[in-house]
Amino acid sequence: MAKPKRRSLGGDICTKLAKMLYNTIMVKISVSKAREKLSEVVEMSQTEPVELEHYGRRAAVMVSPVQYDEMLEALEESQDVAAFDAALSEVGDNIPWEQVKSDLGWS
């Protein structure tokens, strides 16, 4: 039986996430300044990540909902790929699809 083809991460969302994270210069602002200008900081975060600092240390990063959703989707995709790779590397007999459907009550 032939091995299933591996999924390629070529030009997909993981690549987009990497570009988003590594090609972006993050604006840094203190938490106290952000509090004073919250609406401006929120507006700024729609186009670029904003790093909030508390006593000179990174405290949080504010991103737009769209960017957050894209990052979450990329993370989930990478977890799926890792689980797929792990399943392919397992040693042992394969379970026939008909048996899987039967075990799940799908047939």
PDB file of N, CA and C in Angstrom:
ATOM      1  N   MET A   1       0.841  -1.177   0.000  1.00  0.00           N
ATOM      2  CA  MET A   1       0.000   0.000   0.000  1.00  0.00           C
ATOM      3  C   MET A   1       0.886   1.240   0.000  1.00  0.00           C
ATOM      4  N   ALA A   2       0.573   2.192  -0.874  1.00  0.00           N
ATOM      5  CA  ALA A   2       1.383   3.399  -1.001  1.00  0.00           C
ATOM      6  C   ALA A   2       1.168   4.326   0.185  1.00  0.00           C
ATOM      7  N   LYS A   3       2.247   5.004   0.552  1.00  0.00           N
ATOM      8  CA  LYS A   3       2.147   5.977   1.633  1.00  0.00           C
ATOM      9  C   LYS A   3       1.347   7.180   1.160  1.00  0.00           C
ATOM     10  N   PRO A   4       0.517   7.782   2.033  1.00  0.00           N
ATOM     11  CA  PRO A   4      -0.201   8.983   1.628  1.00  0.00           C
ATOM     12  C   PRO A   4       0.772  10.123   1.385  1.00  0.00           C
ATOM     13  N   LYS A   5       0.387  11.031   0.491  1.00  0.00           N
ATOM     14  CA  LYS A   5       1.224  12.181   0.216  1.00  0.00           C
ATOM     15  C   LYS A   5       1.259  13.080   1.442  1.00  0.00           C
ATOM     16  N   ARG A   6       2.412  13.670   1.692  1.00  0.00           N
ATOM     17  CA  ARG A   6       2.534  14.613   2.808  1.00  0.00           C
ATOM     18  C   ARG A   6       2.001  15.964   2.380  1.00  0.00           C
ATOM     19  N   ARG A   7       1.401  16.629   3.305  1.00  0.00           N
ATOM     20  CA  ARG A   7       0.880  17.962   3.023  1.00  0.00           C
ATOM     21  C   ARG A   7       2.041  18.939   2.960  1.00  0.00           C
ATOM     22  N   SER A   8       1.954  19.876   2.059  1.00  0.00           N
ATOM     23  CA  SER A   8       3.000  20.869   1.901  1.00  0.00           C
ATOM     24  C   SER A   8       2.562  22.181   2.527  1.00  0.00           C
ATOM     25  N   LEU A   9       3.483  22.820   3.209  1.00  0.00           N
ATOM     26  CA  LEU A   9       3.187  24.110   3.811  1.00  0.00           C
ATOM     27  C   LEU A   9       3.629  25.249   2.903  1.00  0.00           C
ATOM     28  N   GLY A  10       4.047  24.945   1.683  1.00  0.00           N
ATOM     29  CA  GLY A  10       4.545  25.909   0.729  1.00  0.00           C
ATOM     30  C   GLY A  10       4.104  27.345   0.890  1.00  0.00           C
ATOM     31  N   GLY A  11       3.108  27.779   0.137  1.00  0.00           N
ATOM     32  CA  GLY A  11       2.702  29.173   0.158  1.00  0.00           C
ATOM     33  C   GLY A  11       1.451  29.388   0.982  1.00  0.00           C
ATOM     34  N   ASP A  12       1.280  28.645   2.020  1.00  0.00           N
ATOM     35  CA  ASP A  12       0.037  28.719   2.785  1.00  0.00           C
ATOM     36  C   ASP A  12       0.107  29.727   3.920  1.00  0.00           C
ATOM     37  N   ILE A  13      -0.785  29.601   4.842  1.00  0.00           N
ATOM     38  CA  ILE A  13      -0.939  30.566   5.925  1.00  0.00           C
ATOM     39  C   ILE A  13       0.257  30.601   6.865  1.00  0.00           C
ATOM     40  N   CYS A  14       0.999  29.485   7.008  1.00  0.00           N
ATOM     41  CA  CYS A  14       2.178  29.494   7.875  1.00  0.00           C
ATOM     42  C   CYS A  14       3.242  30.436   7.317  1.00  0.00           C
ATOM     43  N   THR A  15       3.402  30.427   6.010  1.00  0.00           N
ATOM     44  CA  THR A  15       4.341  31.343   5.379  1.00  0.00           C
ATOM     45  C   THR A  15       3.889  32.775   5.584  1.00  0.00           C
ATOM     46  N   LYS A  16       2.597  32.996   5.449  1.00  0.00           N
ATOM     47  CA  LYS A  16       2.041  34.332   5.658  1.00  0.00           C
ATOM     48  C   LYS A  16       2.285  34.797   7.086  1.00  0.00           C
ATOM     49  N   LEU A  17       2.101  33.891   8.049  1.00  0.00           N
ATOM     50  CA  LEU A  17       2.328  34.225   9.451  1.00  0.00           C
ATOM     51  C   LEU A  17       3.793  34.570   9.689  1.00  0.00           C
ATOM     52  N   ALA A  18       4.695  33.775   9.132  1.00  0.00           N
ATOM     53  CA  ALA A  18       6.118  34.046   9.322  1.00  0.00           C
ATOM     54  C   ALA A  18       6.486  35.421   8.776  1.00  0.00           C
ATOM     55  N   LYS A  19       5.968  35.753   7.597  1.00  0.00           N
ATOM     56  CA  LYS A  19       6.235  37.074   7.022  1.00  0.00           C
ATOM     57  C   LYS A  19       5.659  38.172   7.912  1.00  0.00           C
ATOM     58  N   MET A  20       4.459  37.924   8.426  1.00  0.00           N
ATOM     59  CA  MET A  20       3.789  38.898   9.273  1.00  0.00           C
ATOM     60  C   MET A  20       4.607  39.149  10.539  1.00  0.00           C
ATOM     61  N   LEU A  21       5.134  38.094  11.130  1.00  0.00           N
ATOM     62  CA  LEU A  21       5.849  38.220  12.398  1.00  0.00           C
ATOM     63  C   LEU A  21       7.260  38.770  12.236  1.00  0.00           C
ATOM     64  N   TYR A  22       7.955  38.362  11.195  1.00  0.00           N
ATOM     65  CA  TYR A  22       9.367  38.705  11.075  1.00  0.00           C
ATOM     66  C   TYR A  22       9.646  39.901  10.183  1.00  0.00           C
ATOM     67  N   ASN A  23       8.677  40.359   9.426  1.00  0.00           N
ATOM     68  CA  ASN A  23       8.879  41.509   8.560  1.00  0.00           C
ATOM     69  C   ASN A  23       8.174  42.751   9.093  1.00  0.00           C
ATOM     70  N   THR A  24       7.794  42.706  10.347  1.00  0.00           N
ATOM     71  CA  THR A  24       7.053  43.810  10.936  1.00  0.00           C
ATOM     72  C   THR A  24       7.890  44.471  12.013  1.00  0.00           C
ATOM     73  N   ILE A  25       7.997  45.776  11.936  1.00  0.00           N
ATOM     74  CA  ILE A  25       8.637  46.518  13.009  1.00  0.00           C
ATOM     75  C   ILE A  25       7.535  46.866  13.991  1.00  0.00           C
ATOM     76  N   MET A  26       7.696  46.407  15.201  1.00  0.00           N
ATOM     77  CA  MET A  26       6.653  46.581  16.198  1.00  0.00           C
ATOM     78  C   MET A  26       6.809  47.919  16.907  1.00  0.00           C
ATOM     79  N   VAL A  27       5.709  48.619  17.042  1.00  0.00           N
ATOM     80  CA  VAL A  27       5.686  49.853  17.809  1.00  0.00           C
ATOM     81  C   VAL A  27       5.720  49.468  19.283  1.00  0.00           C
ATOM     82  N   LYS A  28       6.540  50.159  20.067  1.00  0.00           N
ATOM     83  CA  LYS A  28       6.614  49.896  21.502  1.00  0.00           C
ATOM     84  C   LYS A  28       6.096  51.109  22.250  1.00  0.00           C
ATOM     85  N   ILE A  29       5.278  50.843  23.270  1.00  0.00           N
ATOM     86  CA  ILE A  29       4.709  51.919  24.071  1.00  0.00           C
ATOM     87  C   ILE A  29       4.497  51.409  25.498  1.00  0.00           C
ATOM     88  N   SER A  30       4.668  52.283  26.452  1.00  0.00           N
ATOM     89  CA  SER A  30       4.473  51.865  27.840  1.00  0.00           C
ATOM     90  C   SER A  30       2.983  51.685  28.119  1.00  0.00           C
ATOM     91  N   VAL A  31       2.687  50.851  29.085  1.00  0.00           N
ATOM     92  CA  VAL A  31       1.296  50.605  29.464  1.00  0.00           C
ATOM     93  C   VAL A  31       0.630  51.913  29.904  1.00  0.00           C
ATOM     94  N   SER A  32       1.360  52.738  30.650  1.00  0.00           N
ATOM     95  CA  SER A  32       0.767  53.997  31.121  1.00  0.00           C
ATOM     96  C   SER A  32       0.448  54.932  29.956  1.00  0.00           C
ATOM     97  N   LYS A  33       1.348  55.029  28.956  1.00  0.00           N
ATOM     98  CA  LYS A  33       1.066  55.851  27.764  1.00  0.00           C
ATOM     99  C   LYS A  33      -0.106  55.262  26.980  1.00  0.00           C
ATOM    100  N   ALA A  34      -0.136  53.938  26.876  1.00  0.00           N
ATOM    101  CA  ALA A  34      -1.219  53.279  26.144  1.00  0.00           C
ATOM    102  C   ALA A  34      -2.557  53.565  26.819  1.00  0.00           C
ATOM    103  N   ARG A  35      -2.556  53.595  28.125  1.00  0.00           N
ATOM    104  CA  ARG A  35      -3.778  53.885  28.870  1.00  0.00           C
ATOM    105  C   ARG A  35      -4.265  55.301  28.541  1.00  0.00           C
ATOM    106  N   GLU A  36      -3.333  56.240  28.458  1.00  0.00           N
ATOM    107  CA  GLU A  36      -3.677  57.629  28.143  1.00  0.00           C
ATOM    108  C   GLU A  36      -4.227  57.782  26.731  1.00  0.00           C
ATOM    109  N   LYS A  37      -3.707  56.992  25.817  1.00  0.00           N
ATOM    110  CA  LYS A  37      -4.065  57.130  24.397  1.00  0.00           C
ATOM    111  C   LYS A  37      -4.634  55.828  23.848  1.00  0.00           C
ATOM    112  N   LEU A  38      -5.508  55.201  24.614  1.00  0.00           N
ATOM    113  CA  LEU A  38      -5.987  53.874  24.258  1.00  0.00           C
ATOM    114  C   LEU A  38      -6.620  53.814  22.871  1.00  0.00           C
ATOM    115  N   SER A  39      -7.483  54.765  22.541  1.00  0.00           N
ATOM    116  CA  SER A  39      -8.141  54.698  21.225  1.00  0.00           C
ATOM    117  C   SER A  39      -7.126  54.802  20.089  1.00  0.00           C
ATOM    118  N   GLU A  40      -6.072  55.601  20.263  1.00  0.00           N
ATOM    119  CA  GLU A  40      -5.030  55.717  19.239  1.00  0.00           C
ATOM    120  C   GLU A  40      -4.234  54.416  19.129  1.00  0.00           C
ATOM    121  N   VAL A  41      -3.943  53.809  20.270  1.00  0.00           N
ATOM    122  CA  VAL A  41      -3.186  52.550  20.270  1.00  0.00           C
ATOM    123  C   VAL A  41      -4.001  51.447  19.605  1.00  0.00           C
ATOM    124  N   VAL A  42      -5.276  51.378  19.917  1.00  0.00           N
ATOM    125  CA  VAL A  42      -6.144  50.378  19.280  1.00  0.00           C
ATOM    126  C   VAL A  42      -6.175  50.599  17.772  1.00  0.00           C
ATOM    127  N   GLU A  43      -6.291  51.847  17.353  1.00  0.00           N
ATOM    128  CA  GLU A  43      -6.303  52.156  15.922  1.00  0.00           C
ATOM    129  C   GLU A  43      -4.978  51.760  15.267  1.00  0.00           C
ATOM    130  N   MET A  44      -3.865  52.048  15.939  1.00  0.00           N
ATOM    131  CA  MET A  44      -2.549  51.695  15.423  1.00  0.00           C
ATOM    132  C   MET A  44      -2.413  50.180  15.282  1.00  0.00           C
ATOM    133  N   SER A  45      -2.986  49.431  16.215  1.00  0.00           N
ATOM    134  CA  SER A  45      -2.859  47.967  16.199  1.00  0.00           C
ATOM    135  C   SER A  45      -3.615  47.329  15.034  1.00  0.00           C
ATOM    136  N   GLN A  46      -4.451  48.106  14.351  1.00  0.00           N
ATOM    137  CA  GLN A  46      -5.174  47.569  13.199  1.00  0.00           C
ATOM    138  C   GLN A  46      -4.256  47.365  12.003  1.00  0.00           C
ATOM    139  N   THR A  47      -3.127  48.088  11.978  1.00  0.00           N
ATOM    140  CA  THR A  47      -2.210  47.990  10.840  1.00  0.00           C
ATOM    141  C   THR A  47      -0.852  47.415  11.205  1.00  0.00           C
ATOM    142  N   GLU A  48      -0.521  47.411  12.512  1.00  0.00           N
ATOM    143  CA  GLU A  48       0.769  46.878  12.948  1.00  0.00           C
ATOM    144  C   GLU A  48       0.666  46.455  14.410  1.00  0.00           C
ATOM    145  N   PRO A  49       1.433  45.437  14.799  1.00  0.00           N
ATOM    146  CA  PRO A  49       1.410  45.036  16.204  1.00  0.00           C
ATOM    147  C   PRO A  49       1.956  46.152  17.099  1.00  0.00           C
ATOM    148  N   VAL A  50       1.403  46.269  18.285  1.00  0.00           N
ATOM    149  CA  VAL A  50       1.860  47.257  19.258  1.00  0.00           C
ATOM    150  C   VAL A  50       2.294  46.502  20.511  1.00  0.00           C
ATOM    151  N   GLU A  51       3.562  46.666  20.878  1.00  0.00           N
ATOM    152  CA  GLU A  51       4.093  46.002  22.064  1.00  0.00           C
ATOM    153  C   GLU A  51       3.941  46.932  23.261  1.00  0.00           C
ATOM    154  N   LEU A  52       3.282  46.437  24.294  1.00  0.00           N
ATOM    155  CA  LEU A  52       3.090  47.213  25.510  1.00  0.00           C
ATOM    156  C   LEU A  52       4.156  46.812  26.520  1.00  0.00           C
ATOM    157  N   GLU A  53       4.813  47.814  27.097  1.00  0.00           N
ATOM    158  CA  GLU A  53       5.867  47.565  28.077  1.00  0.00           C
ATOM    159  C   GLU A  53       5.437  48.067  29.446  1.00  0.00           C
ATOM    160  N   HIS A  54       5.790  47.305  30.455  1.00  0.00           N
ATOM    161  CA  HIS A  54       5.494  47.672  31.842  1.00  0.00           C
ATOM    162  C   HIS A  54       6.822  47.663  32.594  1.00  0.00           C
ATOM    163  N   TYR A  55       7.253  48.818  33.050  1.00  0.00           N
ATOM    164  CA  TYR A  55       8.557  48.973  33.696  1.00  0.00           C
ATOM    165  C   TYR A  55       9.683  48.457  32.808  1.00  0.00           C
ATOM    166  N   GLY A  56       9.596  48.765  31.517  1.00  0.00           N
ATOM    167  CA  GLY A  56      10.644  48.395  30.572  1.00  0.00           C
ATOM    168  C   GLY A  56      10.639  46.957  30.110  1.00  0.00           C
ATOM    169  N   ARG A  57       9.697  46.172  30.580  1.00  0.00           N
ATOM    170  CA  ARG A  57       9.604  44.764  30.166  1.00  0.00           C
ATOM    171  C   ARG A  57       8.371  44.547  29.302  1.00  0.00           C
ATOM    172  N   ARG A  58       8.483  43.617  28.379  1.00  0.00           N
ATOM    173  CA  ARG A  58       7.330  43.291  27.530  1.00  0.00           C
ATOM    174  C   ARG A  58       6.193  42.786  28.400  1.00  0.00           C
ATOM    175  N   ALA A  59       5.026  43.376  28.237  1.00  0.00           N
ATOM    176  CA  ALA A  59       3.865  42.969  29.024  1.00  0.00           C
ATOM    177  C   ALA A  59       2.788  42.340  28.148  1.00  0.00           C
ATOM    178  N   ALA A  60       2.624  42.860  26.927  1.00  0.00           N
ATOM    179  CA  ALA A  60       1.576  42.351  26.039  1.00  0.00           C
ATOM    180  C   ALA A  60       1.847  42.850  24.624  1.00  0.00           C
ATOM    181  N   VAL A  61       1.193  42.215  23.676  1.00  0.00           N
ATOM    182  CA  VAL A  61       1.236  42.668  22.289  1.00  0.00           C
ATOM    183  C   VAL A  61      -0.196  42.803  21.815  1.00  0.00           C
ATOM    184  N   MET A  62      -0.515  43.958  21.272  1.00  0.00           N
ATOM    185  CA  MET A  62      -1.867  44.213  20.780  1.00  0.00           C
ATOM    186  C   MET A  62      -1.850  44.099  19.252  1.00  0.00           C
ATOM    187  N   VAL A  63      -2.747  43.258  18.728  1.00  0.00           N
ATOM    188  CA  VAL A  63      -2.878  43.096  17.280  1.00  0.00           C
ATOM    189  C   VAL A  63      -4.352  43.211  16.908  1.00  0.00           C
ATOM    190  N   SER A  64      -4.596  43.416  15.630  1.00  0.00           N
ATOM    191  CA  SER A  64      -5.974  43.517  15.157  1.00  0.00           C
ATOM    192  C   SER A  64      -6.649  42.147  15.244  1.00  0.00           C
ATOM    193  N   PRO A  65      -7.981  42.133  15.305  1.00  0.00           N
ATOM    194  CA  PRO A  65      -8.686  40.844  15.308  1.00  0.00           C
ATOM    195  C   PRO A  65      -8.373  40.008  14.061  1.00  0.00           C
ATOM    196  N   VAL A  66      -8.222  40.659  12.922  1.00  0.00           N
ATOM    197  CA  VAL A  66      -7.919  39.935  11.683  1.00  0.00           C
ATOM    198  C   VAL A  66      -6.557  39.264  11.796  1.00  0.00           C
ATOM    199  N   GLN A  67      -5.565  40.010  12.279  1.00  0.00           N
ATOM    200  CA  GLN A  67      -4.225  39.440  12.416  1.00  0.00           C
ATOM    201  C   GLN A  67      -4.218  38.326  13.460  1.00  0.00           C
ATOM    202  N   TYR A  68      -4.928  38.518  14.552  1.00  0.00           N
ATOM    203  CA  TYR A  68      -5.027  37.481  15.589  1.00  0.00           C
ATOM    204  C   TYR A  68      -5.636  36.208  15.009  1.00  0.00           C
ATOM    205  N   ASP A  69      -6.739  36.351  14.264  1.00  0.00           N
ATOM    206  CA  ASP A  69      -7.388  35.179  13.670  1.00  0.00           C
ATOM    207  C   ASP A  69      -6.455  34.455  12.710  1.00  0.00           C
ATOM    208  N   GLU A  70      -5.695  35.222  11.906  1.00  0.00           N
ATOM    209  CA  GLU A  70      -4.749  34.607  10.971  1.00  0.00           C
ATOM    210  C   GLU A  70      -3.653  33.859  11.715  1.00  0.00           C
ATOM    211  N   MET A  71      -3.164  34.431  12.803  1.00  0.00           N
ATOM    212  CA  MET A  71      -2.122  33.780  13.585  1.00  0.00           C
ATOM    213  C   MET A  71      -2.655  32.521  14.257  1.00  0.00           C
ATOM    214  N   LEU A  72      -3.867  32.582  14.774  1.00  0.00           N
ATOM    215  CA  LEU A  72      -4.476  31.415  15.410  1.00  0.00           C
ATOM    216  C   LEU A  72      -4.700  30.304  14.389  1.00  0.00           C
ATOM    217  N   GLU A  73      -5.165  30.671  13.205  1.00  0.00           N
ATOM    218  CA  GLU A  73      -5.383  29.683  12.137  1.00  0.00           C
ATOM    219  C   GLU A  73      -4.066  29.028  11.725  1.00  0.00           C
ATOM    220  N   ALA A  74      -2.996  29.824  11.633  1.00  0.00           N
ATOM    221  CA  ALA A  74      -1.689  29.278  11.273  1.00  0.00           C
ATOM    222  C   ALA A  74      -1.175  28.337  12.353  1.00  0.00           C
ATOM    223  N   LEU A  75      -1.375  28.694  13.615  1.00  0.00           N
ATOM    224  CA  LEU A  75      -0.963  27.826  14.719  1.00  0.00           C
ATOM    225  C   LEU A  75      -1.715  26.496  14.664  1.00  0.00           C
ATOM    226  N   GLU A  76      -3.031  26.567  14.468  1.00  0.00           N
ATOM    227  CA  GLU A  76      -3.831  25.347  14.385  1.00  0.00           C
ATOM    228  C   GLU A  76      -3.409  24.491  13.208  1.00  0.00           C
ATOM    229  N   GLU A  77      -3.099  25.134  12.091  1.00  0.00           N
ATOM    230  CA  GLU A  77      -2.644  24.405  10.901  1.00  0.00           C
ATOM    231  C   GLU A  77      -1.324  23.699  11.191  1.00  0.00           C
ATOM    232  N   SER A  78      -0.403  24.382  11.854  1.00  0.00           N
ATOM    233  CA  SER A  78       0.890  23.761  12.149  1.00  0.00           C
ATOM    234  C   SER A  78       0.724  22.599  13.131  1.00  0.00           C
ATOM    235  N   GLN A  79      -0.213  22.711  14.071  1.00  0.00           N
ATOM    236  CA  GLN A  79      -0.484  21.605  14.992  1.00  0.00           C
ATOM    237  C   GLN A  79      -1.082  20.413  14.251  1.00  0.00           C
ATOM    238  N   ASP A  80      -1.964  20.692  13.284  1.00  0.00           N
ATOM    239  CA  ASP A  80      -2.538  19.615  12.475  1.00  0.00           C
ATOM    240  C   ASP A  80      -1.454  18.891  11.676  1.00  0.00           C
ATOM    241  N   VAL A  81      -0.541  19.668  11.099  1.00  0.00           N
ATOM    242  CA  VAL A  81       0.543  19.079  10.311  1.00  0.00           C
ATOM    243  C   VAL A  81       1.437  18.233  11.210  1.00  0.00           C
ATOM    244  N   ALA A  82       1.747  18.722  12.406  1.00  0.00           N
ATOM    245  CA  ALA A  82       2.580  17.950  13.344  1.00  0.00           C
ATOM    246  C   ALA A  82       1.880  16.651  13.744  1.00  0.00           C
ATOM    247  N   ALA A  83       0.574  16.704  13.994  1.00  0.00           N
ATOM    248  CA  ALA A  83      -0.181  15.501  14.351  1.00  0.00           C
ATOM    249  C   ALA A  83      -0.214  14.525  13.173  1.00  0.00           C
ATOM    250  N   PHE A  84      -0.375  15.040  11.963  1.00  0.00           N
ATOM    251  CA  PHE A  84      -0.378  14.216  10.756  1.00  0.00           C
ATOM    252  C   PHE A  84       0.971  13.520  10.595  1.00  0.00           C
ATOM    253  N   ASP A  85       2.061  14.290  10.765  1.00  0.00           N
ATOM    254  CA  ASP A  85       3.408  13.718  10.649  1.00  0.00           C
ATOM    255  C   ASP A  85       3.635  12.642  11.708  1.00  0.00           C
ATOM    256  N   ALA A  86       3.179  12.902  12.924  1.00  0.00           N
ATOM    257  CA  ALA A  86       3.337  11.924  14.006  1.00  0.00           C
ATOM    258  C   ALA A  86       2.561  10.648  13.693  1.00  0.00           C
ATOM    259  N   ALA A  87       1.357  10.797  13.160  1.00  0.00           N
ATOM    260  CA  ALA A  87       0.544   9.624  12.823  1.00  0.00           C
ATOM    261  C   ALA A  87       1.202   8.812  11.712  1.00  0.00           C
ATOM    262  N   LEU A  88       1.791   9.495  10.736  1.00  0.00           N
ATOM    263  CA  LEU A  88       2.460   8.772   9.649  1.00  0.00           C
ATOM    264  C   LEU A  88       3.695   8.023  10.129  1.00  0.00           C
ATOM    265  N   SER A  89       4.335   8.533  11.163  1.00  0.00           N
ATOM    266  CA  SER A  89       5.564   7.892  11.631  1.00  0.00           C
ATOM    267  C   SER A  89       5.305   6.739  12.600  1.00  0.00           C
ATOM    268  N   GLU A  90       4.044   6.542  12.993  1.00  0.00           N
ATOM    269  CA  GLU A  90       3.721   5.433  13.897  1.00  0.00           C
ATOM    270  C   GLU A  90       3.969   4.103  13.204  1.00  0.00           C
ATOM    271  N   VAL A  91       4.510   3.173  13.974  1.00  0.00           N
ATOM    272  CA  VAL A  91       4.785   1.832  13.459  1.00  0.00           C
ATOM    273  C   VAL A  91       3.596   0.944  13.804  1.00  0.00           C
ATOM    274  N   GLY A  92       3.247   0.096  12.873  1.00  0.00           N
ATOM    275  CA  GLY A  92       2.159  -0.835  13.130  1.00  0.00           C
ATOM    276  C   GLY A  92       1.249  -0.956  11.929  1.00  0.00           C
ATOM    277  N   ASP A  93       0.280  -1.843  12.066  1.00  0.00           N
ATOM    278  CA  ASP A  93      -0.658  -2.072  10.974  1.00  0.00           C
ATOM    279  C   ASP A  93      -1.634  -0.914  10.862  1.00  0.00           C
ATOM    280  N   ASN A  94      -1.984  -0.620   9.628  1.00  0.00           N
ATOM    281  CA  ASN A  94      -3.002   0.400   9.377  1.00  0.00           C
ATOM    282  C   ASN A  94      -4.383  -0.188   9.631  1.00  0.00           C
ATOM    283  N   ILE A  95      -5.297   0.629  10.045  1.00  0.00           N
ATOM    284  CA  ILE A  95      -6.680   0.182  10.254  1.00  0.00           C
ATOM    285  C   ILE A  95      -7.447   0.508   8.974  1.00  0.00           C
ATOM    286  N   PRO A  96      -8.086  -0.475   8.379  1.00  0.00           N
ATOM    287  CA  PRO A  96      -8.850  -0.223   7.148  1.00  0.00           C
ATOM    288  C   PRO A  96      -9.958   0.812   7.384  1.00  0.00           C
ATOM    289  N   TRP A  97     -10.190   1.654   6.402  1.00  0.00           N
ATOM    290  CA  TRP A  97     -11.188   2.724   6.493  1.00  0.00           C
ATOM    291  C   TRP A  97     -12.577   2.165   6.814  1.00  0.00           C
ATOM    292  N   GLU A  98     -12.934   1.062   6.243  1.00  0.00           N
ATOM    293  CA  GLU A  98     -14.244   0.468   6.500  1.00  0.00           C
ATOM    294  C   GLU A  98     -14.397   0.113   7.981  1.00  0.00           C
ATOM    295  N   GLN A  99     -13.330  -0.374   8.596  1.00  0.00           N
ATOM    296  CA  GLN A  99     -13.367  -0.705  10.020  1.00  0.00           C
ATOM    297  C   GLN A  99     -13.500   0.562  10.863  1.00  0.00           C
ATOM    298  N   VAL A 100     -12.785   1.609  10.488  1.00  0.00           N
ATOM    299  CA  VAL A 100     -12.877   2.887  11.218  1.00  0.00           C
ATOM    300  C   VAL A 100     -14.317   3.399  11.178  1.00  0.00           C
ATOM    301  N   LYS A 101     -14.910   3.403   9.986  1.00  0.00           N
ATOM    302  CA  LYS A 101     -16.307   3.864   9.864  1.00  0.00           C
ATOM    303  C   LYS A 101     -17.237   3.017  10.704  1.00  0.00           C
ATOM    304  N   SER A 102     -17.016   1.716  10.697  1.00  0.00           N
ATOM    305  CA  SER A 102     -17.853   0.817  11.482  1.00  0.00           C
ATOM    306  C   SER A 102     -17.695   1.082  12.969  1.00  0.00           C
ATOM    307  N   ASP A 103     -16.453   1.246  13.433  1.00  0.00           N
ATOM    308  CA  ASP A 103     -16.180   1.521  14.841  1.00  0.00           C
ATOM    309  C   ASP A 103     -16.826   2.828  15.302  1.00  0.00           C
ATOM    310  N   LEU A 104     -16.908   3.806  14.400  1.00  0.00           N
ATOM    311  CA  LEU A 104     -17.512   5.096  14.736  1.00  0.00           C
ATOM    312  C   LEU A 104     -19.026   5.123  14.513  1.00  0.00           C
ATOM    313  N   GLY A 105     -19.565   4.024  14.005  1.00  0.00           N
ATOM    314  CA  GLY A 105     -21.002   3.962  13.731  1.00  0.00           C
ATOM    315  C   GLY A 105     -21.411   4.747  12.500  1.00  0.00           C
ATOM    316  N   TRP A 106     -20.486   4.922  11.577  1.00  0.00           N
ATOM    317  CA  TRP A 106     -20.764   5.698  10.358  1.00  0.00           C
ATOM    318  C   TRP A 106     -21.265   4.837   9.216  1.00  0.00           C
ATOM    319  N   SER A 107     -21.239   3.519   9.367  1.00  0.00           N
ATOM    320  CA  SER A 107     -21.647   2.693   8.221  1.00  0.00           C
ATOM    321  C   SER A 107     -23.020   2.110   8.412  1.00  0.00           C
TER     322      SER A 107
END
